[in-house]
Amino acid sequence: MTPAREAFDAATRALDARDWREFTRWLHPEALERFRASQLGLARTMATPREMPAEGEDATSLGARLERARLVSLGFLLERTYRVATVEELARLPAEEMVVRTLESRDPERSYVEWVRAGRPGEDEGADFTPPRIRREYVGEVADGAEAVHVVFRLTLDGADGRARSRVLLIELRATPGGWGLMLDEARGDVLLGGLTDAFVLMEPAGGG
């Protein structure tokens, strides 16, 4: 087994166990800092007020709606994802803690149940809301010089309806002083985590057509 595969397998075992803090141990330091910088940048952008409608303009104008949407999005990011009240508090969180809180808020099982319930209001709390099983299977790897490896893996979701949906995906690992670390950006990170982007396009609500 190659060192890159060992790192990939260890990271996915942590995800399977929903041990988010252990998972952060297998991320490359650069990936952690890039993730932190991107989230802080997003929060600071959201915290910047949009240009308000001109005096006398109707309150239901596009500008007013966009401003309300900005405040809702900022509140969701700070309070729901990171459990902080201000951007300044967010900036005090270390990168590892930001990843842990992101994964807690995107827990695939909980998120799937919430997603199904939103589309099926009025049903019993436990009715047909079994989350899918997420599997990540190592397929192979391609070296990119001495410092990087691209791991090919298959992401499969076994749905409650008995159907399996899968895609073959790619993630980059880079060398660290202690071995190999996964790179984590907005696209590849969500794919690997079975989060709300790529994983959700592979599944339907239980009982859906």
C-alpha atoms as a PDB file:
ATOM      1  CA  MET A   1       0.000   0.000   0.000  1.00  0.00           C
ATOM      2  CA  THR A   2       1.385   3.383  -0.968  1.00  0.00           C
ATOM      3  CA  PRO A   3       1.790   6.209   1.590  1.00  0.00           C
ATOM      4  CA  ALA A   4      -0.778   8.298  -0.301  1.00  0.00           C
ATOM      5  CA  ARG A   5      -3.329   5.511  -0.134  1.00  0.00           C
ATOM      6  CA  GLU A   6      -2.664   5.042   3.582  1.00  0.00           C
ATOM      7  CA  ALA A   7      -3.429   8.733   4.137  1.00  0.00           C
ATOM      8  CA  PHE A   8      -6.529   8.601   1.952  1.00  0.00           C
ATOM      9  CA  ASP A   9      -7.836   5.476   3.695  1.00  0.00           C
ATOM     10  CA  ALA A  10      -7.189   6.956   7.147  1.00  0.00           C
ATOM     11  CA  ALA A  11      -9.049  10.138   6.211  1.00  0.00           C
ATOM     12  CA  THR A  12     -12.050   8.262   4.865  1.00  0.00           C
ATOM     13  CA  ARG A  13     -12.156   6.002   7.936  1.00  0.00           C
ATOM     14  CA  ALA A  14     -12.400   9.147  10.053  1.00  0.00           C
ATOM     15  CA  LEU A  15     -15.250  10.374   7.878  1.00  0.00           C
ATOM     16  CA  ASP A  16     -17.039   7.041   8.125  1.00  0.00           C
ATOM     17  CA  ALA A  17     -16.727   7.243  11.920  1.00  0.00           C
ATOM     18  CA  ARG A  18     -17.866  10.882  11.811  1.00  0.00           C
ATOM     19  CA  ASP A  19     -14.695  11.721  13.723  1.00  0.00           C
ATOM     20  CA  TRP A  20     -14.266  15.172  12.237  1.00  0.00           C
ATOM     21  CA  ARG A  21     -11.334  16.153  14.426  1.00  0.00           C
ATOM     22  CA  GLU A  22      -9.379  13.043  13.429  1.00  0.00           C
ATOM     23  CA  PHE A  23     -10.132  13.862   9.803  1.00  0.00           C
ATOM     24  CA  THR A  24      -8.426  17.247  10.125  1.00  0.00           C
ATOM     25  CA  ARG A  25      -5.183  15.437  11.013  1.00  0.00           C
ATOM     26  CA  TRP A  26      -5.066  14.138   7.442  1.00  0.00           C
ATOM     27  CA  LEU A  27      -5.484  17.499   5.740  1.00  0.00           C
ATOM     28  CA  HIS A  28      -2.458  19.266   4.318  1.00  0.00           C
ATOM     29  CA  PRO A  29      -1.506  22.409   6.321  1.00  0.00           C
ATOM     30  CA  GLU A  30      -1.885  24.520   3.185  1.00  0.00           C
ATOM     31  CA  ALA A  31      -5.372  23.117   2.652  1.00  0.00           C
ATOM     32  CA  LEU A  32      -6.348  24.069   6.197  1.00  0.00           C
ATOM     33  CA  GLU A  33      -5.133  27.627   5.799  1.00  0.00           C
ATOM     34  CA  ARG A  34      -6.729  28.017   2.371  1.00  0.00           C
ATOM     35  CA  PHE A  35     -10.026  26.801   3.779  1.00  0.00           C
ATOM     36  CA  ARG A  36      -9.838  29.209   6.703  1.00  0.00           C
ATOM     37  CA  ALA A  37      -8.938  32.127   4.423  1.00  0.00           C
ATOM     38  CA  SER A  38     -11.793  31.349   2.030  1.00  0.00           C
ATOM     39  CA  GLN A  39     -14.368  31.171   4.834  1.00  0.00           C
ATOM     40  CA  LEU A  40     -13.158  34.368   6.454  1.00  0.00           C
ATOM     41  CA  GLY A  41     -13.208  36.078   3.071  1.00  0.00           C
ATOM     42  CA  LEU A  42     -16.761  34.895   2.488  1.00  0.00           C
ATOM     43  CA  ALA A  43     -17.883  36.089   5.916  1.00  0.00           C
ATOM     44  CA  ARG A  44     -16.273  39.499   5.475  1.00  0.00           C
ATOM     45  CA  THR A  45     -17.876  39.896   2.075  1.00  0.00           C
ATOM     46  CA  MET A  46     -21.272  38.978   3.524  1.00  0.00           C
ATOM     47  CA  ALA A  47     -20.733  41.441   6.390  1.00  0.00           C
ATOM     48  CA  THR A  48     -20.259  44.337   3.968  1.00  0.00           C
ATOM     49  CA  PRO A  49     -23.605  46.110   3.468  1.00  0.00           C
ATOM     50  CA  ARG A  50     -24.900  46.364  -0.051  1.00  0.00           C
ATOM     51  CA  GLU A  51     -25.787  49.726  -1.513  1.00  0.00           C
ATOM     52  CA  MET A  52     -29.247  50.524  -0.187  1.00  0.00           C
ATOM     53  CA  PRO A  53     -32.119  51.746  -2.370  1.00  0.00           C
ATOM     54  CA  ALA A  54     -32.221  55.464  -3.100  1.00  0.00           C
ATOM     55  CA  GLU A  55     -34.409  57.624  -0.898  1.00  0.00           C
ATOM     56  CA  GLY A  56     -38.037  57.177  -1.771  1.00  0.00           C
ATOM     57  CA  GLU A  57     -37.537  53.881  -3.573  1.00  0.00           C
ATOM     58  CA  ASP A  58     -40.083  51.205  -2.741  1.00  0.00           C
ATOM     59  CA  ALA A  59     -39.007  48.966   0.192  1.00  0.00           C
ATOM     60  CA  THR A  60     -39.651  45.832  -1.849  1.00  0.00           C
ATOM     61  CA  SER A  61     -37.058  46.834  -4.434  1.00  0.00           C
ATOM     62  CA  LEU A  62     -34.343  44.472  -5.576  1.00  0.00           C
ATOM     63  CA  GLY A  63     -31.786  46.326  -3.470  1.00  0.00           C
ATOM     64  CA  ALA A  64     -33.792  45.846  -0.284  1.00  0.00           C
ATOM     65  CA  ARG A  65     -34.364  42.153  -1.016  1.00  0.00           C
ATOM     66  CA  LEU A  66     -30.672  41.617  -1.647  1.00  0.00           C
ATOM     67  CA  GLU A  67     -29.814  43.304   1.623  1.00  0.00           C
ATOM     68  CA  ARG A  68     -32.199  41.053   3.545  1.00  0.00           C
ATOM     69  CA  ALA A  69     -30.748  38.021   1.790  1.00  0.00           C
ATOM     70  CA  ARG A  70     -27.243  39.144   2.767  1.00  0.00           C
ATOM     71  CA  LEU A  71     -28.173  39.352   6.432  1.00  0.00           C
ATOM     72  CA  VAL A  72     -29.872  35.949   6.375  1.00  0.00           C
ATOM     73  CA  SER A  73     -26.862  34.334   4.655  1.00  0.00           C
ATOM     74  CA  LEU A  74     -24.419  35.939   7.079  1.00  0.00           C
ATOM     75  CA  GLY A  75     -26.453  34.771  10.057  1.00  0.00           C
ATOM     76  CA  PHE A  76     -26.585  31.228   8.690  1.00  0.00           C
ATOM     77  CA  LEU A  77     -22.833  31.132   8.129  1.00  0.00           C
ATOM     78  CA  LEU A  78     -21.900  32.532  11.526  1.00  0.00           C
ATOM     79  CA  GLU A  79     -24.569  31.035  13.771  1.00  0.00           C
ATOM     80  CA  ARG A  80     -25.533  27.772  12.085  1.00  0.00           C
ATOM     81  CA  THR A  81     -22.170  26.699  10.695  1.00  0.00           C
ATOM     82  CA  TYR A  82     -19.596  28.197  13.055  1.00  0.00           C
ATOM     83  CA  ARG A  83     -21.645  28.930  16.202  1.00  0.00           C
ATOM     84  CA  VAL A  84     -20.225  32.433  16.607  1.00  0.00           C
ATOM     85  CA  ALA A  85     -21.937  35.815  16.742  1.00  0.00           C
ATOM     86  CA  THR A  86     -19.539  38.004  14.772  1.00  0.00           C
ATOM     87  CA  VAL A  87     -16.916  37.865  12.043  1.00  0.00           C
ATOM     88  CA  GLU A  88     -14.351  38.865  14.665  1.00  0.00           C
ATOM     89  CA  GLU A  89     -15.178  35.745  16.696  1.00  0.00           C
ATOM     90  CA  LEU A  90     -14.893  33.635  13.564  1.00  0.00           C
ATOM     91  CA  ALA A  91     -11.438  35.071  12.881  1.00  0.00           C
ATOM     92  CA  ARG A  92     -10.270  33.787  16.271  1.00  0.00           C
ATOM     93  CA  LEU A  93     -11.074  30.162  15.418  1.00  0.00           C
ATOM     94  CA  PRO A  94      -8.093  28.049  14.254  1.00  0.00           C
ATOM     95  CA  ALA A  95      -8.357  26.395  10.868  1.00  0.00           C
ATOM     96  CA  GLU A  96      -8.851  22.900  12.315  1.00  0.00           C
ATOM     97  CA  GLU A  97     -11.785  24.054  14.437  1.00  0.00           C
ATOM     98  CA  MET A  98     -13.388  25.743  11.430  1.00  0.00           C
ATOM     99  CA  VAL A  99     -13.220  22.478   9.486  1.00  0.00           C
ATOM    100  CA  VAL A 100     -14.668  20.516  12.429  1.00  0.00           C
ATOM    101  CA  ARG A 101     -17.603  22.910  12.808  1.00  0.00           C
ATOM    102  CA  THR A 102     -18.215  22.907   9.071  1.00  0.00           C
ATOM    103  CA  LEU A 103     -18.400  19.121   9.037  1.00  0.00           C
ATOM    104  CA  GLU A 104     -20.660  19.066  12.076  1.00  0.00           C
ATOM    105  CA  SER A 105     -23.054  21.436  10.316  1.00  0.00           C
ATOM    106  CA  ARG A 106     -22.889  19.398   7.091  1.00  0.00           C
ATOM    107  CA  ASP A 107     -23.193  15.993   8.732  1.00  0.00           C
ATOM    108  CA  PRO A 108     -24.409  13.988   5.717  1.00  0.00           C
ATOM    109  CA  GLU A 109     -26.889  11.907   7.718  1.00  0.00           C
ATOM    110  CA  ARG A 110     -28.528  14.844   9.466  1.00  0.00           C
ATOM    111  CA  SER A 111     -28.476  17.003   6.340  1.00  0.00           C
ATOM    112  CA  TYR A 112     -30.108  14.276   4.263  1.00  0.00           C
ATOM    113  CA  VAL A 113     -32.896  13.792   6.781  1.00  0.00           C
ATOM    114  CA  GLU A 114     -33.543  17.542   6.916  1.00  0.00           C
ATOM    115  CA  TRP A 115     -33.525  17.687   3.113  1.00  0.00           C
ATOM    116  CA  VAL A 116     -36.071  14.884   2.780  1.00  0.00           C
ATOM    117  CA  ARG A 117     -38.346  16.306   5.457  1.00  0.00           C
ATOM    118  CA  ALA A 118     -38.330  19.713   3.781  1.00  0.00           C
ATOM    119  CA  GLY A 119     -39.676  18.078   0.624  1.00  0.00           C
ATOM    120  CA  ARG A 120     -42.263  15.970   2.463  1.00  0.00           C
ATOM    121  CA  PRO A 121     -43.921  18.231   5.060  1.00  0.00           C
ATOM    122  CA  GLY A 122     -46.497  16.829   7.426  1.00  0.00           C
ATOM    123  CA  GLU A 123     -45.139  13.279   7.581  1.00  0.00           C
ATOM    124  CA  ASP A 124     -44.232  11.448  10.765  1.00  0.00           C
ATOM    125  CA  GLU A 125     -40.853  12.272  12.254  1.00  0.00           C
ATOM    126  CA  GLY A 126     -39.263   8.898  11.534  1.00  0.00           C
ATOM    127  CA  ALA A 127     -41.042   7.902   8.342  1.00  0.00           C
ATOM    128  CA  ASP A 128     -38.722   6.684   5.577  1.00  0.00           C
ATOM    129  CA  PHE A 129     -35.950   9.064   6.523  1.00  0.00           C
ATOM    130  CA  THR A 130     -33.123   6.539   6.599  1.00  0.00           C
ATOM    131  CA  PRO A 131     -30.031   8.345   5.318  1.00  0.00           C
ATOM    132  CA  PRO A 132     -27.981   6.768   2.548  1.00  0.00           C
ATOM    133  CA  ARG A 133     -24.756   4.954   3.240  1.00  0.00           C
ATOM    134  CA  ILE A 134     -21.780   6.805   1.784  1.00  0.00           C
ATOM    135  CA  ARG A 135     -18.825   4.718   0.567  1.00  0.00           C
ATOM    136  CA  ARG A 136     -15.505   5.963  -0.746  1.00  0.00           C
ATOM    137  CA  GLU A 137     -13.443   3.343  -2.545  1.00  0.00           C
ATOM    138  CA  TYR A 138      -9.822   3.861  -3.576  1.00  0.00           C
ATOM    139  CA  VAL A 139      -9.333   3.104  -7.285  1.00  0.00           C
ATOM    140  CA  GLY A 140      -5.780   4.186  -8.033  1.00  0.00           C
ATOM    141  CA  GLU A 141      -3.351   7.071  -8.042  1.00  0.00           C
ATOM    142  CA  VAL A 142      -1.139   9.067 -10.386  1.00  0.00           C
ATOM    143  CA  ALA A 143       2.018  10.793  -9.184  1.00  0.00           C
ATOM    144  CA  ASP A 144       2.522  14.431 -10.131  1.00  0.00           C
ATOM    145  CA  GLY A 145       6.224  14.802  -9.498  1.00  0.00           C
ATOM    146  CA  ALA A 146       7.689  13.989  -6.102  1.00  0.00           C
ATOM    147  CA  GLU A 147       5.432  16.278  -4.075  1.00  0.00           C
ATOM    148  CA  ALA A 148       1.894  15.505  -5.251  1.00  0.00           C
ATOM    149  CA  VAL A 149      -0.341  12.514  -5.955  1.00  0.00           C
ATOM    150  CA  HIS A 150      -3.816  12.470  -7.489  1.00  0.00           C
ATOM    151  CA  VAL A 151      -5.975   9.743  -5.970  1.00  0.00           C
ATOM    152  CA  VAL A 152      -8.871   8.377  -8.004  1.00  0.00           C
ATOM    153  CA  PHE A 153     -11.790   7.121  -5.924  1.00  0.00           C
ATOM    154  CA  ARG A 154     -15.372   6.036  -6.373  1.00  0.00           C
ATOM    155  CA  LEU A 155     -18.046   7.799  -4.311  1.00  0.00           C
ATOM    156  CA  THR A 156     -21.110   5.582  -3.895  1.00  0.00           C
ATOM    157  CA  LEU A 157     -24.364   6.277  -2.089  1.00  0.00           C
ATOM    158  CA  ASP A 158     -26.583   3.336  -1.207  1.00  0.00           C
ATOM    159  CA  GLY A 159     -30.019   4.896  -0.939  1.00  0.00           C
ATOM    160  CA  ALA A 160     -32.892   3.842   1.275  1.00  0.00           C
ATOM    161  CA  ASP A 161     -34.747   2.910  -1.921  1.00  0.00           C
ATOM    162  CA  GLY A 162     -32.169   0.183  -2.621  1.00  0.00           C
ATOM    163  CA  ARG A 163     -30.551   2.043  -5.504  1.00  0.00           C
ATOM    164  CA  ALA A 164     -26.836   2.822  -5.625  1.00  0.00           C
ATOM    165  CA  ARG A 165     -25.532   5.994  -7.239  1.00  0.00           C
ATOM    166  CA  SER A 166     -21.836   6.470  -7.878  1.00  0.00           C
ATOM    167  CA  ARG A 167     -19.250   8.665  -9.541  1.00  0.00           C
ATOM    168  CA  VAL A 168     -15.518   8.369 -10.061  1.00  0.00           C
ATOM    169  CA  LEU A 169     -13.752  11.400  -8.607  1.00  0.00           C
ATOM    170  CA  LEU A 170     -10.279  12.793  -8.029  1.00  0.00           C
ATOM    171  CA  ILE A 171      -8.560  14.389  -5.057  1.00  0.00           C
ATOM    172  CA  GLU A 172      -5.031  15.711  -4.679  1.00  0.00           C
ATOM    173  CA  LEU A 173      -2.651  14.789  -1.870  1.00  0.00           C
ATOM    174  CA  ARG A 174       0.594  16.652  -1.237  1.00  0.00           C
ATOM    175  CA  ALA A 175       3.698  15.691   0.671  1.00  0.00           C
ATOM    176  CA  THR A 176       4.148  16.937   4.244  1.00  0.00           C
ATOM    177  CA  PRO A 177       7.095  16.512   6.632  1.00  0.00           C
ATOM    178  CA  GLY A 178       5.174  13.650   8.256  1.00  0.00           C
ATOM    179  CA  GLY A 179       3.717  11.947   5.192  1.00  0.00           C
ATOM    180  CA  TRP A 180       0.864  13.020   2.913  1.00  0.00           C
ATOM    181  CA  GLY A 181      -2.023  15.432   3.365  1.00  0.00           C
ATOM    182  CA  LEU A 182      -5.268  15.885   1.464  1.00  0.00           C
ATOM    183  CA  MET A 183      -5.912  19.122  -0.344  1.00  0.00           C
ATOM    184  CA  LEU A 184      -9.352  20.497   0.359  1.00  0.00           C
ATOM    185  CA  ASP A 185     -11.025  23.128  -1.760  1.00  0.00           C
ATOM    186  CA  GLU A 186     -14.686  23.966  -2.191  1.00  0.00           C
ATOM    187  CA  ALA A 187     -15.278  21.447  -4.977  1.00  0.00           C
ATOM    188  CA  ARG A 188     -13.077  18.524  -4.006  1.00  0.00           C
ATOM    189  CA  GLY A 189     -13.717  18.990  -0.314  1.00  0.00           C
ATOM    190  CA  ASP A 190     -17.445  18.565  -0.645  1.00  0.00           C
ATOM    191  CA  VAL A 191     -17.014  15.616  -3.002  1.00  0.00           C
ATOM    192  CA  LEU A 192     -14.780  13.789  -0.553  1.00  0.00           C
ATOM    193  CA  LEU A 193     -16.972  14.578   2.429  1.00  0.00           C
ATOM    194  CA  GLY A 194     -20.183  13.439   0.814  1.00  0.00           C
ATOM    195  CA  GLY A 195     -21.523  16.888   1.579  1.00  0.00           C
ATOM    196  CA  LEU A 196     -24.324  18.967   0.155  1.00  0.00           C
ATOM    197  CA  THR A 197     -23.000  19.514  -3.360  1.00  0.00           C
ATOM    198  CA  ASP A 198     -21.789  16.515  -5.306  1.00  0.00           C
ATOM    199  CA  ALA A 199     -23.171  13.829  -3.009  1.00  0.00           C
ATOM    200  CA  PHE A 200     -26.684  15.207  -3.113  1.00  0.00           C
ATOM    201  CA  VAL A 201     -26.908  15.152  -6.899  1.00  0.00           C
ATOM    202  CA  LEU A 202     -26.578  11.370  -6.651  1.00  0.00           C
ATOM    203  CA  MET A 203     -29.548  10.765  -4.415  1.00  0.00           C
ATOM    204  CA  GLU A 204     -33.282  11.298  -4.195  1.00  0.00           C
ATOM    205  CA  PRO A 205     -35.619  11.376  -1.194  1.00  0.00           C
ATOM    206  CA  ALA A 206     -36.619   7.931   0.040  1.00  0.00           C
ATOM    207  CA  GLY A 207     -39.601   6.755  -1.952  1.00  0.00           C
ATOM    208  CA  GLY A 208     -39.007   9.365  -4.663  1.00  0.00           C
ATOM    209  CA  GLY A 209     -39.559   8.537  -8.287  1.00  0.00           C
END
